[in-house]
Amino acid sequence: MSYDDLRHFADSWGLLAMTLLFLTFIAWPFRPGARARNEEAANMIFEDDEHG
């Protein structure tokens, strides 16, 4: 495989793969089953305040 072949692959399929990965990471926190974990993570910084 030559440099030009790798460059063509990165410009086409590599870009598509990175775009899909980016969109997956953006959509991941908004899935229906994530609400409880998101609220837990948001309130984690206040746990020390409640104990003392």
Protein backbone atom coordinates (compact mmCIF):
# COMPACT_ATOMS: atom_id res chain seq x y z
CA MET A 1 0.00 0.00 0.00
CA SER A 2 1.48 3.33 -1.02
CA TYR A 3 1.28 6.69 0.69
CA ASP A 4 -1.30 7.89 -1.83
CA ASP A 5 -3.52 4.88 -1.11
CA LEU A 6 -3.34 5.52 2.63
CA ARG A 7 -4.04 9.21 2.12
CA HIS A 8 -7.08 8.46 -0.03
CA PHE A 9 -8.36 6.01 2.59
CA ALA A 10 -7.90 8.55 5.39
CA ASP A 11 -9.59 11.28 3.39
CA SER A 12 -12.65 9.16 2.68
CA TRP A 13 -13.31 6.26 5.05
CA GLY A 14 -11.17 7.61 7.87
CA LEU A 15 -13.13 10.86 7.86
CA LEU A 16 -16.40 8.94 7.86
CA ALA A 17 -15.26 6.75 10.77
CA MET A 18 -14.15 9.77 12.83
CA THR A 19 -17.44 11.55 12.12
CA LEU A 20 -19.47 8.54 13.24
CA LEU A 21 -17.34 8.18 16.37
CA PHE A 22 -17.78 11.88 17.16
CA LEU A 23 -21.56 11.69 16.74
CA THR A 24 -21.68 8.58 18.94
CA PHE A 25 -19.76 10.36 21.70
CA ILE A 26 -22.09 13.35 21.44
CA ALA A 27 -25.25 11.20 21.58
CA TRP A 28 -24.03 8.82 24.32
CA PRO A 29 -25.03 10.96 27.35
CA PHE A 30 -28.52 11.55 25.91
CA ARG A 31 -29.54 7.91 25.66
CA PRO A 32 -32.59 6.97 27.78
CA GLY A 33 -30.77 4.77 30.31
CA ALA A 34 -28.11 7.34 31.15
CA ARG A 35 -30.18 9.76 33.24
CA ALA A 36 -29.37 8.20 36.63
CA ARG A 37 -25.63 8.01 35.93
CA ASN A 38 -25.57 11.58 34.63
CA GLU A 39 -27.33 12.87 37.74
CA GLU A 40 -24.96 10.88 39.96
CA ALA A 41 -21.94 12.34 38.17
CA ALA A 42 -23.38 15.87 38.38
CA ASN A 43 -23.97 15.62 42.13
CA MET A 44 -20.73 13.78 42.97
CA ILE A 45 -18.90 17.01 43.79
CA PHE A 46 -21.38 17.81 46.57
CA GLU A 47 -20.98 14.51 48.46
CA ASP A 48 -18.29 15.88 50.82
CA ASP A 49 -20.46 18.89 51.72
CA GLU A 50 -23.26 16.68 53.04
CA HIS A 51 -21.01 14.80 55.48
CA GLY A 52 -19.35 17.69 57.17
